[in-house]
Amino acid sequence: MVKGNPHSFLHVDRAEIDLDPSIDVHDKKVYEKARENLEKMIENEE
């Protein structure tokens, strides 16, 4: 769903899509990525 759309909020709500598919969806890295993506969207003035 996010192909061709770097702005989609799924990059926050489904942050595992920006990580290797082998990483478990409940891994700490997924939540850290969600925070990082949200902060980046705010910093980028989206």
ModelCIF file with pLDDT and N, C-alpha, C, O atoms, coordinates in Angstrom:
data_MODEL
#
_entry.id   MODEL 
#
_entity.id                         1 
_entity.type                       polymer 
_entity.pdbx_number_of_molecules   1 
#
_entity_poly.entity_id                      1 
_entity_poly.type                           'polypeptide(L)' 
_entity_poly.nstd_linkage                   no 
_entity_poly.nstd_monomer                   no 
_entity_poly.pdbx_seq_one_letter_code       MVKGNPHSFLHVDRAEIDLDPSIDVHDKKVYEKARENLEKMIENEE 
_entity_poly.pdbx_seq_one_letter_code_can   MVKGNPHSFLHVDRAEIDLDPSIDVHDKKVYEKARENLEKMIENEE 
_entity_poly.pdbx_strand_id                 A 
#
loop_
_entity_poly_seq.entity_id 
_entity_poly_seq.num 
_entity_poly_seq.mon_id 
_entity_poly_seq.hetero 
1 1  MET n 
1 2  VAL n 
1 3  LYS n 
1 4  GLY n 
1 5  ASN n 
1 6  PRO n 
1 7  HIS n 
1 8  SER n 
1 9  PHE n 
1 10 LEU n 
1 11 HIS n 
1 12 VAL n 
1 13 ASP n 
1 14 ARG n 
1 15 ALA n 
1 16 GLU n 
1 17 ILE n 
1 18 ASP n 
1 19 LEU n 
1 20 ASP n 
1 21 PRO n 
1 22 SER n 
1 23 ILE n 
1 24 ASP n 
1 25 VAL n 
1 26 HIS n 
1 27 ASP n 
1 28 LYS n 
1 29 LYS n 
1 30 VAL n 
1 31 TYR n 
1 32 GLU n 
1 33 LYS n 
1 34 ALA n 
1 35 ARG n 
1 36 GLU n 
1 37 ASN n 
1 38 LEU n 
1 39 GLU n 
1 40 LYS n 
1 41 MET n 
1 42 ILE n 
1 43 GLU n 
1 44 ASN n 
1 45 GLU n 
1 46 GLU n 
#
_struct_asym.id          A 
_struct_asym.entity_id   1 
#
loop_
_ma_qa_metric.id 
_ma_qa_metric.mode 
_ma_qa_metric.name 
_ma_qa_metric.software_group_id 
_ma_qa_metric.type 
1 global pLDDT . pLDDT 
2 local  pLDDT . pLDDT 
#
_ma_qa_metric_global.metric_id      1 
_ma_qa_metric_global.metric_value   95.63 
_ma_qa_metric_global.model_id       1 
_ma_qa_metric_global.ordinal_id     1 
#
loop_
_ma_qa_metric_local.label_asym_id 
_ma_qa_metric_local.label_comp_id 
_ma_qa_metric_local.label_seq_id 
_ma_qa_metric_local.metric_id 
_ma_qa_metric_local.metric_value 
_ma_qa_metric_local.model_id 
_ma_qa_metric_local.ordinal_id 
A MET 1  2 94.00 1 1  
A VAL 2  2 93.00 1 2  
A LYS 3  2 94.00 1 3  
A GLY 4  2 92.00 1 4  
A ASN 5  2 95.00 1 5  
A PRO 6  2 95.00 1 6  
A HIS 7  2 97.00 1 7  
A SER 8  2 96.00 1 8  
A PHE 9  2 97.00 1 9  
A LEU 10 2 97.00 1 10 
A HIS 11 2 97.00 1 11 
A VAL 12 2 97.00 1 12 
A ASP 13 2 95.00 1 13 
A ARG 14 2 95.00 1 14 
A ALA 15 2 96.00 1 15 
A GLU 16 2 96.00 1 16 
A ILE 17 2 95.00 1 17 
A ASP 18 2 95.00 1 18 
A LEU 19 2 95.00 1 19 
A ASP 20 2 94.00 1 20 
A PRO 21 2 93.00 1 21 
A SER 22 2 94.00 1 22 
A ILE 23 2 94.00 1 23 
A ASP 24 2 93.00 1 24 
A VAL 25 2 92.00 1 25 
A HIS 26 2 92.00 1 26 
A ASP 27 2 95.00 1 27 
A LYS 28 2 96.00 1 28 
A LYS 29 2 97.00 1 29 
A VAL 30 2 97.00 1 30 
A TYR 31 2 97.00 1 31 
A GLU 32 2 97.00 1 32 
A LYS 33 2 97.00 1 33 
A ALA 34 2 97.00 1 34 
A ARG 35 2 97.00 1 35 
A GLU 36 2 98.00 1 36 
A ASN 37 2 97.00 1 37 
A LEU 38 2 97.00 1 38 
A GLU 39 2 97.00 1 39 
A LYS 40 2 97.00 1 40 
A MET 41 2 97.00 1 41 
A ILE 42 2 97.00 1 42 
A GLU 43 2 96.00 1 43 
A ASN 44 2 96.00 1 44 
A GLU 45 2 97.00 1 45 
A GLU 46 2 97.00 1 46 
#
loop_
_atom_site.group_PDB 
_atom_site.id 
_atom_site.type_symbol 
_atom_site.label_atom_id 
_atom_site.label_alt_id 
_atom_site.label_comp_id 
_atom_site.label_asym_id 
_atom_site.label_entity_id 
_atom_site.label_seq_id 
_atom_site.pdbx_PDB_ins_code 
_atom_site.Cartn_x 
_atom_site.Cartn_y 
_atom_site.Cartn_z 
_atom_site.occupancy 
_atom_site.B_iso_or_equiv 
_atom_site.pdbx_formal_charge 
_atom_site.auth_seq_id 
_atom_site.auth_comp_id 
_atom_site.auth_asym_id 
_atom_site.auth_atom_id 
_atom_site.pdbx_PDB_model_num 
ATOM 1   N N  . MET A 1 1  ? 0.807  -1.223  0.000  1.00 94.00 ? 1  MET A N  1 
ATOM 2   C CA . MET A 1 1  ? 0.000  0.000   0.000  1.00 94.00 ? 1  MET A CA 1 
ATOM 3   C C  . MET A 1 1  ? 0.841  1.276   0.000  1.00 94.00 ? 1  MET A C  1 
ATOM 4   O O  . MET A 1 1  ? 0.399  2.309   -0.502 1.00 94.00 ? 1  MET A O  1 
ATOM 5   N N  . VAL A 1 2  ? 2.047  1.210   0.557  1.00 93.00 ? 2  VAL A N  1 
ATOM 6   C CA . VAL A 1 2  ? 2.866  2.430   0.654  1.00 93.00 ? 2  VAL A CA 1 
ATOM 7   C C  . VAL A 1 2  ? 3.804  2.614   -0.541 1.00 93.00 ? 2  VAL A C  1 
ATOM 8   O O  . VAL A 1 2  ? 4.527  3.607   -0.622 1.00 93.00 ? 2  VAL A O  1 
ATOM 9   N N  . LYS A 1 3  ? 3.786  1.663   -1.456 1.00 94.00 ? 3  LYS A N  1 
ATOM 10  C CA . LYS A 1 3  ? 4.693  1.789   -2.606 1.00 94.00 ? 3  LYS A CA 1 
ATOM 11  C C  . LYS A 1 3  ? 4.419  3.091   -3.344 1.00 94.00 ? 3  LYS A C  1 
ATOM 12  O O  . LYS A 1 3  ? 3.282  3.370   -3.726 1.00 94.00 ? 3  LYS A O  1 
ATOM 13  N N  . GLY A 1 4  ? 5.471  3.887   -3.543 1.00 92.00 ? 4  GLY A N  1 
ATOM 14  C CA . GLY A 1 4  ? 5.328  5.163   -4.237 1.00 92.00 ? 4  GLY A CA 1 
ATOM 15  C C  . GLY A 1 4  ? 4.766  6.274   -3.376 1.00 92.00 ? 4  GLY A C  1 
ATOM 16  O O  . GLY A 1 4  ? 4.503  7.368   -3.875 1.00 92.00 ? 4  GLY A O  1 
ATOM 17  N N  . ASN A 1 5  ? 4.578  6.014   -2.085 1.00 95.00 ? 5  ASN A N  1 
ATOM 18  C CA . ASN A 1 5  ? 4.044  7.058   -1.197 1.00 95.00 ? 5  ASN A CA 1 
ATOM 19  C C  . ASN A 1 5  ? 4.838  7.112   0.104  1.00 95.00 ? 5  ASN A C  1 
ATOM 20  O O  . ASN A 1 5  ? 4.469  6.459   1.080  1.00 95.00 ? 5  ASN A O  1 
ATOM 21  N N  . PRO A 1 6  ? 5.930  7.889   0.130  1.00 95.00 ? 6  PRO A N  1 
ATOM 22  C CA . PRO A 1 6  ? 6.751  7.984   1.344  1.00 95.00 ? 6  PRO A CA 1 
ATOM 23  C C  . PRO A 1 6  ? 6.044  8.715   2.479  1.00 95.00 ? 6  PRO A C  1 
ATOM 24  O O  . PRO A 1 6  ? 6.512  8.693   3.618  1.00 95.00 ? 6  PRO A O  1 
ATOM 25  N N  . HIS A 1 7  ? 4.898  9.375   2.170  1.00 97.00 ? 7  HIS A N  1 
ATOM 26  C CA . HIS A 1 7  ? 4.204  10.169  3.197  1.00 97.00 ? 7  HIS A CA 1 
ATOM 27  C C  . HIS A 1 7  ? 3.168  9.355   3.968  1.00 97.00 ? 7  HIS A C  1 
ATOM 28  O O  . HIS A 1 7  ? 2.674  9.824   4.993  1.00 97.00 ? 7  HIS A O  1 
ATOM 29  N N  . SER A 1 8  ? 2.825  8.155   3.511  1.00 96.00 ? 8  SER A N  1 
ATOM 30  C CA . SER A 1 8  ? 1.748  7.390   4.142  1.00 96.00 ? 8  SER A CA 1 
ATOM 31  C C  . SER A 1 8  ? 1.982  7.210   5.641  1.00 96.00 ? 8  SER A C  1 
ATOM 32  O O  . SER A 1 8  ? 3.095  6.936   6.089  1.00 96.00 ? 8  SER A O  1 
ATOM 33  N N  . PHE A 1 9  ? 0.884  7.373   6.412  1.00 97.00 ? 9  PHE A N  1 
ATOM 34  C CA . PHE A 1 9  ? 0.993  7.228   7.862  1.00 97.00 ? 9  PHE A CA 1 
ATOM 35  C C  . PHE A 1 9  ? 1.249  5.779   8.276  1.00 97.00 ? 9  PHE A C  1 
ATOM 36  O O  . PHE A 1 9  ? 1.546  5.511   9.441  1.00 97.00 ? 9  PHE A O  1 
ATOM 37  N N  . LEU A 1 10 ? 1.137  4.848   7.333  1.00 97.00 ? 10 LEU A N  1 
ATOM 38  C CA . LEU A 1 10 ? 1.482  3.459   7.660  1.00 97.00 ? 10 LEU A CA 1 
ATOM 39  C C  . LEU A 1 10 ? 2.962  3.335   8.023  1.00 97.00 ? 10 LEU A C  1 
ATOM 40  O O  . LEU A 1 10 ? 3.355  2.366   8.672  1.00 97.00 ? 10 LEU A O  1 
ATOM 41  N N  . HIS A 1 11 ? 3.788  4.303   7.615  1.00 97.00 ? 11 HIS A N  1 
ATOM 42  C CA . HIS A 1 11 ? 5.200  4.297   8.025  1.00 97.00 ? 11 HIS A CA 1 
ATOM 43  C C  . HIS A 1 11 ? 5.327  4.501   9.543  1.00 97.00 ? 11 HIS A C  1 
ATOM 44  O O  . HIS A 1 11 ? 6.361  4.194   10.136 1.00 97.00 ? 11 HIS A O  1 
ATOM 45  N N  . VAL A 1 12 ? 4.251  5.028   10.161 1.00 97.00 ? 12 VAL A N  1 
ATOM 46  C CA . VAL A 1 12 ? 4.221  5.174   11.625 1.00 97.00 ? 12 VAL A CA 1 
ATOM 47  C C  . VAL A 1 12 ? 3.427  4.027   12.246 1.00 97.00 ? 12 VAL A C  1 
ATOM 48  O O  . VAL A 1 12 ? 3.908  3.348   13.153 1.00 97.00 ? 12 VAL A O  1 
ATOM 49  N N  . ASP A 1 13 ? 2.207  3.818   11.752 1.00 95.00 ? 13 ASP A N  1 
ATOM 50  C CA . ASP A 1 13 ? 1.311  2.827   12.362 1.00 95.00 ? 13 ASP A CA 1 
ATOM 51  C C  . ASP A 1 13 ? 1.696  1.384   12.056 1.00 95.00 ? 13 ASP A C  1 
ATOM 52  O O  . ASP A 1 13 ? 1.315  0.463   12.778 1.00 95.00 ? 13 ASP A O  1 
ATOM 53  N N  . ARG A 1 14 ? 2.457  1.196   10.975 1.00 95.00 ? 14 ARG A N  1 
ATOM 54  C CA . ARG A 1 14 ? 2.937  -0.148  10.594 1.00 95.00 ? 14 ARG A CA 1 
ATOM 55  C C  . ARG A 1 14 ? 4.430  -0.042  10.280 1.00 95.00 ? 14 ARG A C  1 
ATOM 56  O O  . ARG A 1 14 ? 4.874  -0.389  9.186  1.00 95.00 ? 14 ARG A O  1 
ATOM 57  N N  . ALA A 1 15 ? 5.191  0.441   11.258 1.00 96.00 ? 15 ALA A N  1 
ATOM 58  C CA . ALA A 1 15 ? 6.590  0.805   11.008 1.00 96.00 ? 15 ALA A CA 1 
ATOM 59  C C  . ALA A 1 15 ? 7.467  -0.377  10.603 1.00 96.00 ? 15 ALA A C  1 
ATOM 60  O O  . ALA A 1 15 ? 8.572  -0.176  10.101 1.00 96.00 ? 15 ALA A O  1 
ATOM 61  N N  . GLU A 1 16 ? 6.994  -1.608  10.813 1.00 96.00 ? 16 GLU A N  1 
ATOM 62  C CA . GLU A 1 16 ? 7.794  -2.773  10.403 1.00 96.00 ? 16 GLU A CA 1 
ATOM 63  C C  . GLU A 1 16 ? 8.019  -2.789  8.893  1.00 96.00 ? 16 GLU A C  1 
ATOM 64  O O  . GLU A 1 16 ? 8.927  -3.466  8.411  1.00 96.00 ? 16 GLU A O  1 
ATOM 65  N N  . ILE A 1 17 ? 7.194  -2.043  8.136  1.00 95.00 ? 17 ILE A N  1 
ATOM 66  C CA . ILE A 1 17 ? 7.347  -2.026  6.674  1.00 95.00 ? 17 ILE A CA 1 
ATOM 67  C C  . ILE A 1 17 ? 8.658  -1.364  6.251  1.00 95.00 ? 17 ILE A C  1 
ATOM 68  O O  . ILE A 1 17 ? 9.104  -1.536  5.116  1.00 95.00 ? 17 ILE A O  1 
ATOM 69  N N  . ASP A 1 18 ? 9.278  -0.607  7.165  1.00 95.00 ? 18 ASP A N  1 
ATOM 70  C CA . ASP A 1 18 ? 10.558 0.046   6.859  1.00 95.00 ? 18 ASP A CA 1 
ATOM 71  C C  . ASP A 1 18 ? 11.746 -0.721  7.441  1.00 95.00 ? 18 ASP A C  1 
ATOM 72  O O  . ASP A 1 18 ? 12.870 -0.222  7.470  1.00 95.00 ? 18 ASP A O  1 
ATOM 73  N N  . LEU A 1 19 ? 11.477 -1.932  7.899  1.00 95.00 ? 19 LEU A N  1 
ATOM 74  C CA . LEU A 1 19 ? 12.531 -2.784  8.458  1.00 95.00 ? 19 LEU A CA 1 
ATOM 75  C C  . LEU A 1 19 ? 12.582 -4.089  7.673  1.00 95.00 ? 19 LEU A C  1 
ATOM 76  O O  . LEU A 1 19 ? 11.702 -4.370  6.859  1.00 95.00 ? 19 LEU A O  1 
ATOM 77  N N  . ASP A 1 20 ? 13.606 -4.872  7.923  1.00 94.00 ? 20 ASP A N  1 
ATOM 78  C CA . ASP A 1 20 ? 13.732 -6.167  7.264  1.00 94.00 ? 20 ASP A CA 1 
ATOM 79  C C  . ASP A 1 20 ? 12.528 -7.045  7.628  1.00 94.00 ? 20 ASP A C  1 
ATOM 80  O O  . ASP A 1 20 ? 12.160 -7.129  8.800  1.00 94.00 ? 20 ASP A O  1 
ATOM 81  N N  . PRO A 1 21 ? 11.910 -7.703  6.630  1.00 93.00 ? 21 PRO A N  1 
ATOM 82  C CA . PRO A 1 21 ? 10.726 -8.538  6.910  1.00 93.00 ? 21 PRO A CA 1 
ATOM 83  C C  . PRO A 1 21 ? 10.960 -9.649  7.926  1.00 93.00 ? 21 PRO A C  1 
ATOM 84  O O  . PRO A 1 21 ? 10.006 -10.189 8.485  1.00 93.00 ? 21 PRO A O  1 
ATOM 85  N N  . SER A 1 22 ? 12.226 -9.995  8.170  1.00 94.00 ? 22 SER A N  1 
ATOM 86  C CA . SER A 1 22 ? 12.515 -11.065 9.138  1.00 94.00 ? 22 SER A CA 1 
ATOM 87  C C  . SER A 1 22 ? 12.326 -10.588 10.584 1.00 94.00 ? 22 SER A C  1 
ATOM 88  O O  . SER A 1 22 ? 12.245 -11.408 11.500 1.00 94.00 ? 22 SER A O  1 
ATOM 89  N N  . ILE A 1 23 ? 12.256 -9.266  10.792 1.00 94.00 ? 23 ILE A N  1 
ATOM 90  C CA . ILE A 1 23 ? 12.106 -8.727  12.159 1.00 94.00 ? 23 ILE A CA 1 
ATOM 91  C C  . ILE A 1 23 ? 10.664 -8.911  12.624 1.00 94.00 ? 23 ILE A C  1 
ATOM 92  O O  . ILE A 1 23 ? 9.724  -8.567  11.908 1.00 94.00 ? 23 ILE A O  1 
ATOM 93  N N  . ASP A 1 24 ? 10.500 -9.451  13.816 1.00 93.00 ? 24 ASP A N  1 
ATOM 94  C CA . ASP A 1 24 ? 9.170  -9.689  14.372 1.00 93.00 ? 24 ASP A CA 1 
ATOM 95  C C  . ASP A 1 24 ? 8.412  -8.364  14.515 1.00 93.00 ? 24 ASP A C  1 
ATOM 96  O O  . ASP A 1 24 ? 8.997  -7.349  14.894 1.00 93.00 ? 24 ASP A O  1 
ATOM 97  N N  . VAL A 1 25 ? 7.100  -8.379  14.207 1.00 92.00 ? 25 VAL A N  1 
ATOM 98  C CA . VAL A 1 25 ? 6.321  -7.129  14.224 1.00 92.00 ? 25 VAL A CA 1 
ATOM 99  C C  . VAL A 1 25 ? 6.202  -6.536  15.633 1.00 92.00 ? 25 VAL A C  1 
ATOM 100 O O  . VAL A 1 25 ? 5.847  -5.367  15.787 1.00 92.00 ? 25 VAL A O  1 
ATOM 101 N N  . HIS A 1 26 ? 6.500  -7.345  16.666 1.00 92.00 ? 26 HIS A N  1 
ATOM 102 C CA . HIS A 1 26 ? 6.434  -6.832  18.039 1.00 92.00 ? 26 HIS A CA 1 
ATOM 103 C C  . HIS A 1 26 ? 7.822  -6.547  18.619 1.00 92.00 ? 26 HIS A C  1 
ATOM 104 O O  . HIS A 1 26 ? 7.964  -6.305  19.818 1.00 92.00 ? 26 HIS A O  1 
ATOM 105 N N  . ASP A 1 27 ? 8.819  -6.577  17.773 1.00 95.00 ? 27 ASP A N  1 
ATOM 106 C CA . ASP A 1 27 ? 10.186 -6.273  18.215 1.00 95.00 ? 27 ASP A CA 1 
ATOM 107 C C  . ASP A 1 27 ? 10.286 -4.801  18.601 1.00 95.00 ? 27 ASP A C  1 
ATOM 108 O O  . ASP A 1 27 ? 9.631  -3.942  18.012 1.00 95.00 ? 27 ASP A O  1 
ATOM 109 N N  . LYS A 1 28 ? 11.113 -4.531  19.595 1.00 96.00 ? 28 LYS A N  1 
ATOM 110 C CA . LYS A 1 28 ? 11.342 -3.158  20.063 1.00 96.00 ? 28 LYS A CA 1 
ATOM 111 C C  . LYS A 1 28 ? 11.735 -2.223  18.912 1.00 96.00 ? 28 LYS A C  1 
ATOM 112 O O  . LYS A 1 28 ? 11.396 -1.039  18.913 1.00 96.00 ? 28 LYS A O  1 
ATOM 113 N N  . LYS A 1 29 ? 12.454 -2.776  17.935 1.00 97.00 ? 29 LYS A N  1 
ATOM 114 C CA . LYS A 1 29 ? 12.915 -1.956  16.800 1.00 97.00 ? 29 LYS A CA 1 
ATOM 115 C C  . LYS A 1 29 ? 11.751 -1.367  16.015 1.00 97.00 ? 29 LYS A C  1 
ATOM 116 O O  . LYS A 1 29 ? 11.870 -0.282  15.446 1.00 97.00 ? 29 LYS A O  1 
ATOM 117 N N  . VAL A 1 30 ? 10.619 -2.080  15.982 1.00 97.00 ? 30 VAL A N  1 
ATOM 118 C CA . VAL A 1 30 ? 9.447  -1.597  15.242 1.00 97.00 ? 30 VAL A CA 1 
ATOM 119 C C  . VAL A 1 30 ? 8.892  -0.338  15.903 1.00 97.00 ? 30 VAL A C  1 
ATOM 120 O O  . VAL A 1 30 ? 8.548  0.627   15.221 1.00 97.00 ? 30 VAL A O  1 
ATOM 121 N N  . TYR A 1 31 ? 8.805  -0.353  17.235 1.00 97.00 ? 31 TYR A N  1 
ATOM 122 C CA . TYR A 1 31 ? 8.261  0.804   17.952 1.00 97.00 ? 31 TYR A CA 1 
ATOM 123 C C  . TYR A 1 31 ? 9.238  1.984   17.892 1.00 97.00 ? 31 TYR A C  1 
ATOM 124 O O  . TYR A 1 31 ? 8.826  3.140   17.799 1.00 97.00 ? 31 TYR A O  1 
ATOM 125 N N  . GLU A 1 32 ? 10.516 1.679   17.947 1.00 97.00 ? 32 GLU A N  1 
ATOM 126 C CA . GLU A 1 32 ? 11.521 2.744   17.808 1.00 97.00 ? 32 GLU A CA 1 
ATOM 127 C C  . GLU A 1 32 ? 11.443 3.375   16.419 1.00 97.00 ? 32 GLU A C  1 
ATOM 128 O O  . GLU A 1 32 ? 11.596 4.587   16.264 1.00 97.00 ? 32 GLU A O  1 
ATOM 129 N N  . LYS A 1 33 ? 11.202 2.536   15.415 1.00 97.00 ? 33 LYS A N  1 
ATOM 130 C CA . LYS A 1 33 ? 11.085 3.039   14.038 1.00 97.00 ? 33 LYS A CA 1 
ATOM 131 C C  . LYS A 1 33 ? 9.836  3.901   13.886 1.00 97.00 ? 33 LYS A C  1 
ATOM 132 O O  . LYS A 1 33 ? 9.855  4.911   13.182 1.00 97.00 ? 33 LYS A O  1 
ATOM 133 N N  . ALA A 1 34 ? 8.760  3.505   14.540 1.00 97.00 ? 34 ALA A N  1 
ATOM 134 C CA . ALA A 1 34 ? 7.524  4.302   14.503 1.00 97.00 ? 34 ALA A CA 1 
ATOM 135 C C  . ALA A 1 34 ? 7.777  5.695   15.064 1.00 97.00 ? 34 ALA A C  1 
ATOM 136 O O  . ALA A 1 34 ? 7.381  6.698   14.470 1.00 97.00 ? 34 ALA A O  1 
ATOM 137 N N  . ARG A 1 35 ? 8.446  5.741   16.223 1.00 97.00 ? 35 ARG A N  1 
ATOM 138 C CA . ARG A 1 35 ? 8.766  7.044   16.840 1.00 97.00 ? 35 ARG A CA 1 
ATOM 139 C C  . ARG A 1 35 ? 9.656  7.873   15.925 1.00 97.00 ? 35 ARG A C  1 
ATOM 140 O O  . ARG A 1 35 ? 9.423  9.065   15.723 1.00 97.00 ? 35 ARG A O  1 
ATOM 141 N N  . GLU A 1 36 ? 10.680 7.225   15.374 1.00 98.00 ? 36 GLU A N  1 
ATOM 142 C CA . GLU A 1 36 ? 11.613 7.925   14.481 1.00 98.00 ? 36 GLU A CA 1 
ATOM 143 C C  . GLU A 1 36 ? 10.882 8.492   13.262 1.00 98.00 ? 36 GLU A C  1 
ATOM 144 O O  . GLU A 1 36 ? 11.109 9.638   12.874 1.00 98.00 ? 36 GLU A O  1 
ATOM 145 N N  . ASN A 1 37 ? 10.002 7.680   12.660 1.00 97.00 ? 37 ASN A N  1 
ATOM 146 C CA . ASN A 1 37 ? 9.277  8.124   11.467 1.00 97.00 ? 37 ASN A CA 1 
ATOM 147 C C  . ASN A 1 37 ? 8.326  9.273   11.778 1.00 97.00 ? 37 ASN A C  1 
ATOM 148 O O  . ASN A 1 37 ? 8.198  10.214  10.995 1.00 97.00 ? 37 ASN A O  1 
ATOM 149 N N  . LEU A 1 38 ? 7.657  9.189   12.938 1.00 97.00 ? 38 LEU A N  1 
ATOM 150 C CA . LEU A 1 38 ? 6.741  10.267  13.331 1.00 97.00 ? 38 LEU A CA 1 
ATOM 151 C C  . LEU A 1 38 ? 7.515  11.563  13.561 1.00 97.00 ? 38 LEU A C  1 
ATOM 152 O O  . LEU A 1 38 ? 7.116  12.626  13.085 1.00 97.00 ? 38 LEU A O  1 
ATOM 153 N N  . GLU A 1 39 ? 8.629  11.467  14.298 1.00 97.00 ? 39 GLU A N  1 
ATOM 154 C CA . GLU A 1 39 ? 9.438  12.671  14.570 1.00 97.00 ? 39 GLU A CA 1 
ATOM 155 C C  . GLU A 1 39 ? 9.972  13.271  13.272 1.00 97.00 ? 39 GLU A C  1 
ATOM 156 O O  . GLU A 1 39 ? 10.044 14.491  13.120 1.00 97.00 ? 39 GLU A O  1 
ATOM 157 N N  . LYS A 1 40 ? 10.346 12.395  12.341 1.00 97.00 ? 40 LYS A N  1 
ATOM 158 C CA . LYS A 1 40 ? 10.881 12.870  11.059 1.00 97.00 ? 40 LYS A CA 1 
ATOM 159 C C  . LYS A 1 40 ? 9.800  13.626  10.273 1.00 97.00 ? 40 LYS A C  1 
ATOM 160 O O  . LYS A 1 40 ? 10.078 14.665  9.675  1.00 97.00 ? 40 LYS A O  1 
ATOM 161 N N  . MET A 1 41 ? 8.568  13.100  10.277 1.00 97.00 ? 41 MET A N  1 
ATOM 162 C CA . MET A 1 41 ? 7.476  13.758  9.554  1.00 97.00 ? 41 MET A CA 1 
ATOM 163 C C  . MET A 1 41 ? 7.188  15.146  10.142 1.00 97.00 ? 41 MET A C  1 
ATOM 164 O O  . MET A 1 41 ? 6.887  16.091  9.413  1.00 97.00 ? 41 MET A O  1 
ATOM 165 N N  . ILE A 1 42 ? 7.286  15.248  11.466 1.00 97.00 ? 42 ILE A N  1 
ATOM 166 C CA . ILE A 1 42 ? 7.052  16.546  12.117 1.00 97.00 ? 42 ILE A CA 1 
ATOM 167 C C  . ILE A 1 42 ? 8.203  17.501  11.802 1.00 97.00 ? 42 ILE A C  1 
ATOM 168 O O  . ILE A 1 42 ? 7.981  18.665  11.470 1.00 97.00 ? 42 ILE A O  1 
ATOM 169 N N  . GLU A 1 43 ? 9.437  16.998  11.910 1.00 96.00 ? 43 GLU A N  1 
ATOM 170 C CA . GLU A 1 43 ? 10.619 17.831  11.606 1.00 96.00 ? 43 GLU A CA 1 
ATOM 171 C C  . GLU A 1 43 ? 10.620 18.301  10.152 1.00 96.00 ? 43 GLU A C  1 
ATOM 172 O O  . GLU A 1 43 ? 11.023 19.426  9.855  1.00 96.00 ? 43 GLU A O  1 
ATOM 173 N N  . ASN A 1 44 ? 10.169 17.434  9.254  1.00 96.00 ? 44 ASN A N  1 
ATOM 174 C CA . ASN A 1 44 ? 10.135 17.781  7.824  1.00 96.00 ? 44 ASN A CA 1 
ATOM 175 C C  . ASN A 1 44 ? 8.973  18.697  7.461  1.00 96.00 ? 44 ASN A C  1 
ATOM 176 O O  . ASN A 1 44 ? 8.749  19.016  6.294  1.00 96.00 ? 44 ASN A O  1 
ATOM 177 N N  . GLU A 1 45 ? 8.246  19.108  8.483  1.00 97.00 ? 45 GLU A N  1 
ATOM 178 C CA . GLU A 1 45 ? 7.113  20.029  8.323  1.00 97.00 ? 45 GLU A CA 1 
ATOM 179 C C  . GLU A 1 45 ? 6.013  19.455  7.430  1.00 97.00 ? 45 GLU A C  1 
ATOM 180 O O  . GLU A 1 45 ? 5.310  20.188  6.733  1.00 97.00 ? 45 GLU A O  1 
ATOM 181 N N  . GLU A 1 46 ? 5.881  18.132  7.468  1.00 97.00 ? 46 GLU A N  1 
ATOM 182 C CA . GLU A 1 46 ? 4.716  17.507  6.843  1.00 97.00 ? 46 GLU A CA 1 
ATOM 183 C C  . GLU A 1 46 ? 3.499  17.722  7.740  1.00 97.00 ? 46 GLU A C  1 
ATOM 184 O O  . GLU A 1 46 ? 2.400  17.277  7.408  1.00 97.00 ? 46 GLU A O  1 
#
